[in-house]
Amino acid sequence: PGAGSGKSVTRGVSVEVGEVQTAIDLELVVDYGVSITDVAGAVRENVISAVERMAGREVVEVNIMVGDVKLPDEEDEEDEGQERQRLQ
């Protein structure tokens, strides 16, 4: 949450780092109609791969919480609000 919205990109992310291991907690917003299980699985795999490759740490835990489901009409409202901000 927060990526591309002008909010902090670290919002919804918590990481505990040890000597060689790390645990990560993520809070996601999922689009309505998308399989939460599929999204969570893909995010988990990508996060583990990226952290182990970039930081050289073993990821022992990735906890994913879905904090919200974005409904189709919410996207329209957000797009209109962003468009208004650009015009001002």
PDB file of N, CA and C in Angstrom:
ATOM      1  N   PRO A   1       0.828  -1.188   0.000  1.00  0.00           N
ATOM      2  CA  PRO A   1       0.000   0.000   0.000  1.00  0.00           C
ATOM      3  C   PRO A   1       0.865   1.241   0.000  1.00  0.00           C
ATOM      4  N   GLY A   2       0.465   2.228  -0.677  1.00  0.00           N
ATOM      5  CA  GLY A   2       1.229   3.461  -0.656  1.00  0.00           C
ATOM      6  C   GLY A   2       2.066   3.673  -1.896  1.00  0.00           C
ATOM      7  N   ALA A   3       2.468   2.629  -2.593  1.00  0.00           N
ATOM      8  CA  ALA A   3       3.315   2.795  -3.765  1.00  0.00           C
ATOM      9  C   ALA A   3       2.548   3.536  -4.851  1.00  0.00           C
ATOM     10  N   GLY A   4       3.092   4.624  -5.313  1.00  0.00           N
ATOM     11  CA  GLY A   4       2.464   5.394  -6.377  1.00  0.00           C
ATOM     12  C   GLY A   4       1.340   6.289  -5.915  1.00  0.00           C
ATOM     13  N   SER A   5       1.081   6.339  -4.623  1.00  0.00           N
ATOM     14  CA  SER A   5      -0.030   7.160  -4.149  1.00  0.00           C
ATOM     15  C   SER A   5       0.443   8.386  -3.385  1.00  0.00           C
ATOM     16  N   GLY A   6       1.752   8.618  -3.366  1.00  0.00           N
ATOM     17  CA  GLY A   6       2.283   9.753  -2.632  1.00  0.00           C
ATOM     18  C   GLY A   6       2.476   9.451  -1.157  1.00  0.00           C
ATOM     19  N   LYS A   7       2.102   8.253  -0.735  1.00  0.00           N
ATOM     20  CA  LYS A   7       2.266   7.851   0.654  1.00  0.00           C
ATOM     21  C   LYS A   7       3.597   7.129   0.802  1.00  0.00           C
ATOM     22  N   SER A   8       4.007   6.904   2.030  1.00  0.00           N
ATOM     23  CA  SER A   8       5.261   6.224   2.295  1.00  0.00           C
ATOM     24  C   SER A   8       5.251   4.814   1.717  1.00  0.00           C
ATOM     25  N   VAL A   9       6.314   4.450   1.006  1.00  0.00           N
ATOM     26  CA  VAL A   9       6.390   3.116   0.427  1.00  0.00           C
ATOM     27  C   VAL A   9       6.707   2.063   1.482  1.00  0.00           C
ATOM     28  N   THR A  10       7.064   2.470   2.686  1.00  0.00           N
ATOM     29  CA  THR A  10       7.329   1.505   3.748  1.00  0.00           C
ATOM     30  C   THR A  10       6.078   1.199   4.556  1.00  0.00           C
ATOM     31  N   ARG A  11       5.006   1.917   4.304  1.00  0.00           N
ATOM     32  CA  ARG A  11       3.754   1.651   5.000  1.00  0.00           C
ATOM     33  C   ARG A  11       3.289   0.236   4.669  1.00  0.00           C
ATOM     34  N   GLY A  12       2.954  -0.545   5.693  1.00  0.00           N
ATOM     35  CA  GLY A  12       2.503  -1.905   5.474  1.00  0.00           C
ATOM     36  C   GLY A  12       3.634  -2.911   5.422  1.00  0.00           C
ATOM     37  N   VAL A  13       4.851  -2.482   5.767  1.00  0.00           N
ATOM     38  CA  VAL A  13       6.015  -3.369   5.740  1.00  0.00           C
ATOM     39  C   VAL A  13       6.724  -3.314   7.082  1.00  0.00           C
ATOM     40  N   SER A  14       6.986  -4.492   7.647  1.00  0.00           N
ATOM     41  CA  SER A  14       7.741  -4.587   8.885  1.00  0.00           C
ATOM     42  C   SER A  14       8.756  -5.709   8.724  1.00  0.00           C
ATOM     43  N   VAL A  15      10.012  -5.446   9.093  1.00  0.00           N
ATOM     44  CA  VAL A  15      11.068  -6.434   8.912  1.00  0.00           C
ATOM     45  C   VAL A  15      11.857  -6.590  10.200  1.00  0.00           C
ATOM     46  N   GLU A  16      12.068  -7.838  10.596  1.00  0.00           N
ATOM     47  CA  GLU A  16      12.947  -8.151  11.715  1.00  0.00           C
ATOM     48  C   GLU A  16      14.203  -8.796  11.134  1.00  0.00           C
ATOM     49  N   VAL A  17      15.356  -8.214  11.421  1.00  0.00           N
ATOM     50  CA  VAL A  17      16.604  -8.678  10.827  1.00  0.00           C
ATOM     51  C   VAL A  17      17.518  -9.234  11.911  1.00  0.00           C
ATOM     52  N   GLY A  18      17.983 -10.465  11.693  1.00  0.00           N
ATOM     53  CA  GLY A  18      18.951 -11.088  12.580  1.00  0.00           C
ATOM     54  C   GLY A  18      20.303 -11.138  11.898  1.00  0.00           C
ATOM     55  N   GLU A  19      21.214 -11.915  12.448  1.00  0.00           N
ATOM     56  CA  GLU A  19      22.566 -12.045  11.873  1.00  0.00           C
ATOM     57  C   GLU A  19      22.522 -12.605  10.451  1.00  0.00           C
ATOM     58  N   VAL A  20      21.774 -13.676  10.253  1.00  0.00           N
ATOM     59  CA  VAL A  20      21.715 -14.300   8.926  1.00  0.00           C
ATOM     60  C   VAL A  20      20.285 -14.562   8.460  1.00  0.00           C
ATOM     61  N   GLN A  21      19.308 -14.282   9.302  1.00  0.00           N
ATOM     62  CA  GLN A  21      17.922 -14.556   8.959  1.00  0.00           C
ATOM     63  C   GLN A  21      17.074 -13.301   9.100  1.00  0.00           C
ATOM     64  N   THR A  22      15.936 -13.326   8.434  1.00  0.00           N
ATOM     65  CA  THR A  22      15.012 -12.210   8.541  1.00  0.00           C
ATOM     66  C   THR A  22      13.571 -12.707   8.474  1.00  0.00           C
ATOM     67  N   ALA A  23      12.686 -11.942   9.095  1.00  0.00           N
ATOM     68  CA  ALA A  23      11.247 -12.222   9.046  1.00  0.00           C
ATOM     69  C   ALA A  23      10.547 -10.953   8.574  1.00  0.00           C
ATOM     70  N   ILE A  24       9.556 -11.112   7.736  1.00  0.00           N
ATOM     71  CA  ILE A  24       8.912  -9.968   7.106  1.00  0.00           C
ATOM     72  C   ILE A  24       7.399 -10.058   7.283  1.00  0.00           C
ATOM     73  N   ASP A  25       6.793  -8.943   7.664  1.00  0.00           N
ATOM     74  CA  ASP A  25       5.335  -8.823   7.749  1.00  0.00           C
ATOM     75  C   ASP A  25       4.898  -7.814   6.697  1.00  0.00           C
ATOM     76  N   LEU A  26       3.910  -8.172   5.891  1.00  0.00           N
ATOM     77  CA  LEU A  26       3.412  -7.301   4.834  1.00  0.00           C
ATOM     78  C   LEU A  26       1.910  -7.133   4.954  1.00  0.00           C
ATOM     79  N   GLU A  27       1.441  -5.917   4.708  1.00  0.00           N
ATOM     80  CA  GLU A  27       0.012  -5.666   4.621  1.00  0.00           C
ATOM     81  C   GLU A  27      -0.289  -5.250   3.188  1.00  0.00           C
ATOM     82  N   LEU A  28      -1.208  -5.949   2.543  1.00  0.00           N
ATOM     83  CA  LEU A  28      -1.519  -5.712   1.136  1.00  0.00           C
ATOM     84  C   LEU A  28      -2.937  -5.191   0.941  1.00  0.00           C
ATOM     85  N   VAL A  29      -3.131  -4.502  -0.166  1.00  0.00           N
ATOM     86  CA  VAL A  29      -4.452  -4.152  -0.666  1.00  0.00           C
ATOM     87  C   VAL A  29      -4.612  -4.937  -1.969  1.00  0.00           C
ATOM     88  N   VAL A  30      -5.676  -5.705  -2.054  1.00  0.00           N
ATOM     89  CA  VAL A  30      -5.887  -6.579  -3.201  1.00  0.00           C
ATOM     90  C   VAL A  30      -7.086  -6.077  -4.005  1.00  0.00           C
ATOM     91  N   ASP A  31      -6.964  -6.119  -5.323  1.00  0.00           N
ATOM     92  CA  ASP A  31      -8.083  -5.733  -6.191  1.00  0.00           C
ATOM     93  C   ASP A  31      -9.210  -6.751  -6.068  1.00  0.00           C
ATOM     94  N   TYR A  32     -10.437  -6.261  -6.075  1.00  0.00           N
ATOM     95  CA  TYR A  32     -11.621  -7.112  -6.011  1.00  0.00           C
ATOM     96  C   TYR A  32     -11.618  -8.079  -7.197  1.00  0.00           C
ATOM     97  N   GLY A  33     -11.934  -9.337  -6.928  1.00  0.00           N
ATOM     98  CA  GLY A  33     -12.021 -10.338  -7.979  1.00  0.00           C
ATOM     99  C   GLY A  33     -10.731 -11.107  -8.200  1.00  0.00           C
ATOM    100  N   VAL A  34      -9.644 -10.667  -7.592  1.00  0.00           N
ATOM    101  CA  VAL A  34      -8.364 -11.346  -7.731  1.00  0.00           C
ATOM    102  C   VAL A  34      -8.246 -12.374  -6.610  1.00  0.00           C
ATOM    103  N   SER A  35      -7.681 -13.515  -6.903  1.00  0.00           N
ATOM    104  CA  SER A  35      -7.511 -14.560  -5.896  1.00  0.00           C
ATOM    105  C   SER A  35      -6.483 -14.115  -4.857  1.00  0.00           C
ATOM    106  N   ILE A  36      -6.933 -13.946  -3.618  1.00  0.00           N
ATOM    107  CA  ILE A  36      -6.034 -13.526  -2.537  1.00  0.00           C
ATOM    108  C   ILE A  36      -4.946 -14.571  -2.327  1.00  0.00           C
ATOM    109  N   THR A  37      -5.303 -15.830  -2.425  1.00  0.00           N
ATOM    110  CA  THR A  37      -4.328 -16.903  -2.256  1.00  0.00           C
ATOM    111  C   THR A  37      -3.226 -16.822  -3.308  1.00  0.00           C
ATOM    112  N   ASP A  38      -3.611 -16.586  -4.559  1.00  0.00           N
ATOM    113  CA  ASP A  38      -2.623 -16.480  -5.638  1.00  0.00           C
ATOM    114  C   ASP A  38      -1.720 -15.259  -5.448  1.00  0.00           C
ATOM    115  N   VAL A  39      -2.317 -14.117  -5.097  1.00  0.00           N
ATOM    116  CA  VAL A  39      -1.540 -12.897  -4.891  1.00  0.00           C
ATOM    117  C   VAL A  39      -0.562 -13.087  -3.732  1.00  0.00           C
ATOM    118  N   ALA A  40      -1.044 -13.622  -2.617  1.00  0.00           N
ATOM    119  CA  ALA A  40      -0.187 -13.825  -1.447  1.00  0.00           C
ATOM    120  C   ALA A  40       0.960 -14.781  -1.757  1.00  0.00           C
ATOM    121  N   GLY A  41       0.669 -15.843  -2.483  1.00  0.00           N
ATOM    122  CA  GLY A  41       1.721 -16.800  -2.847  1.00  0.00           C
ATOM    123  C   GLY A  41       2.786 -16.174  -3.740  1.00  0.00           C
ATOM    124  N   ALA A  42       2.347 -15.403  -4.731  1.00  0.00           N
ATOM    125  CA  ALA A  42       3.294 -14.754  -5.645  1.00  0.00           C
ATOM    126  C   ALA A  42       4.125 -13.699  -4.920  1.00  0.00           C
ATOM    127  N   VAL A  43       3.479 -12.908  -4.058  1.00  0.00           N
ATOM    128  CA  VAL A  43       4.211 -11.895  -3.291  1.00  0.00           C
ATOM    129  C   VAL A  43       5.244 -12.573  -2.388  1.00  0.00           C
ATOM    130  N   ARG A  44       4.826 -13.618  -1.699  1.00  0.00           N
ATOM    131  CA  ARG A  44       5.733 -14.341  -0.797  1.00  0.00           C
ATOM    132  C   ARG A  44       6.967 -14.842  -1.558  1.00  0.00           C
ATOM    133  N   GLU A  45       6.751 -15.499  -2.691  1.00  0.00           N
ATOM    134  CA  GLU A  45       7.873 -16.026  -3.489  1.00  0.00           C
ATOM    135  C   GLU A  45       8.805 -14.909  -3.945  1.00  0.00           C
ATOM    136  N   ASN A  46       8.239 -13.815  -4.456  1.00  0.00           N
ATOM    137  CA  ASN A  46       9.052 -12.706  -4.961  1.00  0.00           C
ATOM    138  C   ASN A  46       9.837 -12.013  -3.847  1.00  0.00           C
ATOM    139  N   VAL A  47       9.208 -11.827  -2.696  1.00  0.00           N
ATOM    140  CA  VAL A  47       9.891 -11.177  -1.579  1.00  0.00           C
ATOM    141  C   VAL A  47      11.048 -12.047  -1.089  1.00  0.00           C
ATOM    142  N   ILE A  48      10.801 -13.333  -0.903  1.00  0.00           N
ATOM    143  CA  ILE A  48      11.867 -14.238  -0.444  1.00  0.00           C
ATOM    144  C   ILE A  48      13.029 -14.213  -1.424  1.00  0.00           C
ATOM    145  N   SER A  49      12.734 -14.350  -2.702  1.00  0.00           N
ATOM    146  CA  SER A  49      13.777 -14.365  -3.725  1.00  0.00           C
ATOM    147  C   SER A  49      14.579 -13.064  -3.727  1.00  0.00           C
ATOM    148  N   ALA A  50      13.889 -11.924  -3.689  1.00  0.00           N
ATOM    149  CA  ALA A  50      14.568 -10.627  -3.751  1.00  0.00           C
ATOM    150  C   ALA A  50      15.424 -10.377  -2.518  1.00  0.00           C
ATOM    151  N   VAL A  51      14.901 -10.658  -1.335  1.00  0.00           N
ATOM    152  CA  VAL A  51      15.660 -10.401  -0.105  1.00  0.00           C
ATOM    153  C   VAL A  51      16.875 -11.318  -0.022  1.00  0.00           C
ATOM    154  N   GLU A  52      16.699 -12.589  -0.343  1.00  0.00           N
ATOM    155  CA  GLU A  52      17.839 -13.515  -0.276  1.00  0.00           C
ATOM    156  C   GLU A  52      18.901 -13.140  -1.307  1.00  0.00           C
ATOM    157  N   ARG A  53      18.479 -12.701  -2.494  1.00  0.00           N
ATOM    158  CA  ARG A  53      19.432 -12.322  -3.538  1.00  0.00           C
ATOM    159  C   ARG A  53      20.139 -11.006  -3.208  1.00  0.00           C
ATOM    160  N   MET A  54      19.383  -9.996  -2.785  1.00  0.00           N
ATOM    161  CA  MET A  54      19.963  -8.665  -2.579  1.00  0.00           C
ATOM    162  C   MET A  54      20.645  -8.499  -1.229  1.00  0.00           C
ATOM    163  N   ALA A  55      20.082  -9.101  -0.191  1.00  0.00           N
ATOM    164  CA  ALA A  55      20.619  -8.874   1.151  1.00  0.00           C
ATOM    165  C   ALA A  55      21.423 -10.061   1.673  1.00  0.00           C
ATOM    166  N   GLY A  56      21.348 -11.181   0.986  1.00  0.00           N
ATOM    167  CA  GLY A  56      22.100 -12.355   1.421  1.00  0.00           C
ATOM    168  C   GLY A  56      21.601 -12.919   2.747  1.00  0.00           C
ATOM    169  N   ARG A  57      20.360 -12.666   3.075  1.00  0.00           N
ATOM    170  CA  ARG A  57      19.771 -13.159   4.324  1.00  0.00           C
ATOM    171  C   ARG A  57      18.764 -14.261   4.003  1.00  0.00           C
ATOM    172  N   GLU A  58      18.697 -15.257   4.862  1.00  0.00           N
ATOM    173  CA  GLU A  58      17.698 -16.304   4.731  1.00  0.00           C
ATOM    174  C   GLU A  58      16.369 -15.757   5.268  1.00  0.00           C
ATOM    175  N   VAL A  59      15.339 -15.836   4.463  1.00  0.00           N
ATOM    176  CA  VAL A  59      14.026 -15.381   4.895  1.00  0.00           C
ATOM    177  C   VAL A  59      13.320 -16.589   5.510  1.00  0.00           C
ATOM    178  N   VAL A  60      13.062 -16.505   6.820  1.00  0.00           N
ATOM    179  CA  VAL A  60      12.452 -17.632   7.523  1.00  0.00           C
ATOM    180  C   VAL A  60      10.938 -17.483   7.654  1.00  0.00           C
ATOM    181  N   GLU A  61      10.433 -16.280   7.376  1.00  0.00           N
ATOM    182  CA  GLU A  61       9.011 -16.035   7.580  1.00  0.00           C
ATOM    183  C   GLU A  61       8.562 -14.836   6.751  1.00  0.00           C
ATOM    184  N   VAL A  62       7.471 -15.000   6.023  1.00  0.00           N
ATOM    185  CA  VAL A  62       6.810 -13.873   5.359  1.00  0.00           C
ATOM    186  C   VAL A  62       5.336 -13.973   5.721  1.00  0.00           C
ATOM    187  N   ASN A  63       4.900 -13.083   6.576  1.00  0.00           N
ATOM    188  CA  ASN A  63       3.498 -13.048   7.001  1.00  0.00           C
ATOM    189  C   ASN A  63       2.773 -11.998   6.185  1.00  0.00           C
ATOM    190  N   ILE A  64       1.658 -12.397   5.570  1.00  0.00           N
ATOM    191  CA  ILE A  64       0.914 -11.488   4.709  1.00  0.00           C
ATOM    192  C   ILE A  64      -0.493 -11.302   5.270  1.00  0.00           C
ATOM    193  N   MET A  65      -0.863 -10.031   5.437  1.00  0.00           N
ATOM    194  CA  MET A  65      -2.200  -9.689   5.883  1.00  0.00           C
ATOM    195  C   MET A  65      -2.850  -8.832   4.799  1.00  0.00           C
ATOM    196  N   VAL A  66      -4.063  -9.181   4.424  1.00  0.00           N
ATOM    197  CA  VAL A  66      -4.806  -8.363   3.468  1.00  0.00           C
ATOM    198  C   VAL A  66      -5.585  -7.334   4.284  1.00  0.00           C
ATOM    199  N   GLY A  67      -5.168  -6.086   4.166  1.00  0.00           N
ATOM    200  CA  GLY A  67      -5.767  -5.016   4.939  1.00  0.00           C
ATOM    201  C   GLY A  67      -6.985  -4.394   4.288  1.00  0.00           C
ATOM    202  N   ASP A  68      -7.141  -4.621   2.970  1.00  0.00           N
ATOM    203  CA  ASP A  68      -8.271  -4.013   2.275  1.00  0.00           C
ATOM    204  C   ASP A  68      -8.441  -4.692   0.924  1.00  0.00           C
ATOM    205  N   VAL A  69      -9.625  -4.593   0.398  1.00  0.00           N
ATOM    206  CA  VAL A  69      -9.917  -5.033  -0.966  1.00  0.00           C
ATOM    207  C   VAL A  69     -10.392  -3.799  -1.718  1.00  0.00           C
ATOM    208  N   LYS A  70      -9.692  -3.481  -2.808  1.00  0.00           N
ATOM    209  CA  LYS A  70     -10.040  -2.299  -3.600  1.00  0.00           C
ATOM    210  C   LYS A  70     -11.145  -2.670  -4.579  1.00  0.00           C
ATOM    211  N   LEU A  71     -12.278  -2.009  -4.417  1.00  0.00           N
ATOM    212  CA  LEU A  71     -13.422  -2.259  -5.285  1.00  0.00           C
ATOM    213  C   LEU A  71     -13.272  -1.470  -6.584  1.00  0.00           C
ATOM    214  N   PRO A  72     -13.887  -1.939  -7.674  1.00  0.00           N
ATOM    215  CA  PRO A  72     -13.744  -1.250  -8.964  1.00  0.00           C
ATOM    216  C   PRO A  72     -14.144   0.221  -8.915  1.00  0.00           C
ATOM    217  N   ASP A  73     -15.209   0.581  -8.196  1.00  0.00           N
ATOM    218  CA  ASP A  73     -15.624   1.981  -8.151  1.00  0.00           C
ATOM    219  C   ASP A  73     -14.644   2.837  -7.358  1.00  0.00           C
ATOM    220  N   GLU A  74     -13.870   2.235  -6.449  1.00  0.00           N
ATOM    221  CA  GLU A  74     -12.855   2.986  -5.714  1.00  0.00           C
ATOM    222  C   GLU A  74     -11.728   3.431  -6.640  1.00  0.00           C
ATOM    223  N   GLU A  75     -11.399   2.615  -7.630  1.00  0.00           N
ATOM    224  CA  GLU A  75     -10.355   2.973  -8.586  1.00  0.00           C
ATOM    225  C   GLU A  75     -10.761   4.207  -9.374  1.00  0.00           C
ATOM    226  N   ASP A  76     -12.030   4.267  -9.788  1.00  0.00           N
ATOM    227  CA  ASP A  76     -12.512   5.421 -10.546  1.00  0.00           C
ATOM    228  C   ASP A  76     -12.408   6.694  -9.709  1.00  0.00           C
ATOM    229  N   GLU A  77     -12.788   6.614  -8.435  1.00  0.00           N
ATOM    230  CA  GLU A  77     -12.716   7.771  -7.552  1.00  0.00           C
ATOM    231  C   GLU A  77     -11.273   8.223  -7.357  1.00  0.00           C
ATOM    232  N   GLU A  78     -10.345   7.256  -7.190  1.00  0.00           N
ATOM    233  CA  GLU A  78      -8.930   7.597  -7.022  1.00  0.00           C
ATOM    234  C   GLU A  78      -8.387   8.251  -8.275  1.00  0.00           C
ATOM    235  N   ASP A  79      -8.706   7.687  -9.437  1.00  0.00           N
ATOM    236  CA  ASP A  79      -8.224   8.243 -10.697  1.00  0.00           C
ATOM    237  C   ASP A  79      -8.716   9.678 -10.877  1.00  0.00           C
ATOM    238  N   GLU A  80      -9.990   9.938 -10.545  1.00  0.00           N
ATOM    239  CA  GLU A  80     -10.538  11.287 -10.661  1.00  0.00           C
ATOM    240  C   GLU A  80      -9.830  12.245  -9.709  1.00  0.00           C
ATOM    241  N   GLY A  81      -9.554  11.798  -8.490  1.00  0.00           N
ATOM    242  CA  GLY A  81      -8.860  12.634  -7.503  1.00  0.00           C
ATOM    243  C   GLY A  81      -7.446  12.954  -7.939  1.00  0.00           C
ATOM    244  N   GLN A  82      -6.746  11.970  -8.498  1.00  0.00           N
ATOM    245  CA  GLN A  82      -5.384  12.208  -8.980  1.00  0.00           C
ATOM    246  C   GLN A  82      -5.400  13.141 -10.172  1.00  0.00           C
ATOM    247  N   GLU A  83      -6.376  12.993 -11.048  1.00  0.00           N
ATOM    248  CA  GLU A  83      -6.480  13.861 -12.213  1.00  0.00           C
ATOM    249  C   GLU A  83      -6.726  15.304 -11.780  1.00  0.00           C
ATOM    250  N   ARG A  84      -7.603  15.499 -10.776  1.00  0.00           N
ATOM    251  CA  ARG A  84      -7.870  16.844 -10.251  1.00  0.00           C
ATOM    252  C   ARG A  84      -6.606  17.454  -9.670  1.00  0.00           C
ATOM    253  N   GLN A  85      -5.808  16.652  -8.963  1.00  0.00           N
ATOM    254  CA  GLN A  85      -4.578  17.165  -8.360  1.00  0.00           C
ATOM    255  C   GLN A  85      -3.605  17.624  -9.447  1.00  0.00           C
ATOM    256  N   ARG A  86      -3.520  16.873 -10.549  1.00  0.00           N
ATOM    257  CA  ARG A  86      -2.613  17.230 -11.634  1.00  0.00           C
ATOM    258  C   ARG A  86      -3.041  18.522 -12.318  1.00  0.00           C
ATOM    259  N   LEU A  87      -4.350  18.756 -12.395  1.00  0.00           N
ATOM    260  CA  LEU A  87      -4.851  19.935 -13.069  1.00  0.00           C
ATOM    261  C   LEU A  87      -4.689  21.210 -12.236  1.00  0.00           C
ATOM    262  N   GLN A  88      -4.573  21.064 -10.948  1.00  0.00           N
ATOM    263  CA  GLN A  88      -4.485  22.244 -10.077  1.00  0.00           C
ATOM    264  C   GLN A  88      -3.113  22.836 -10.035  1.00  0.00           C
TER     265      GLN A  88
END
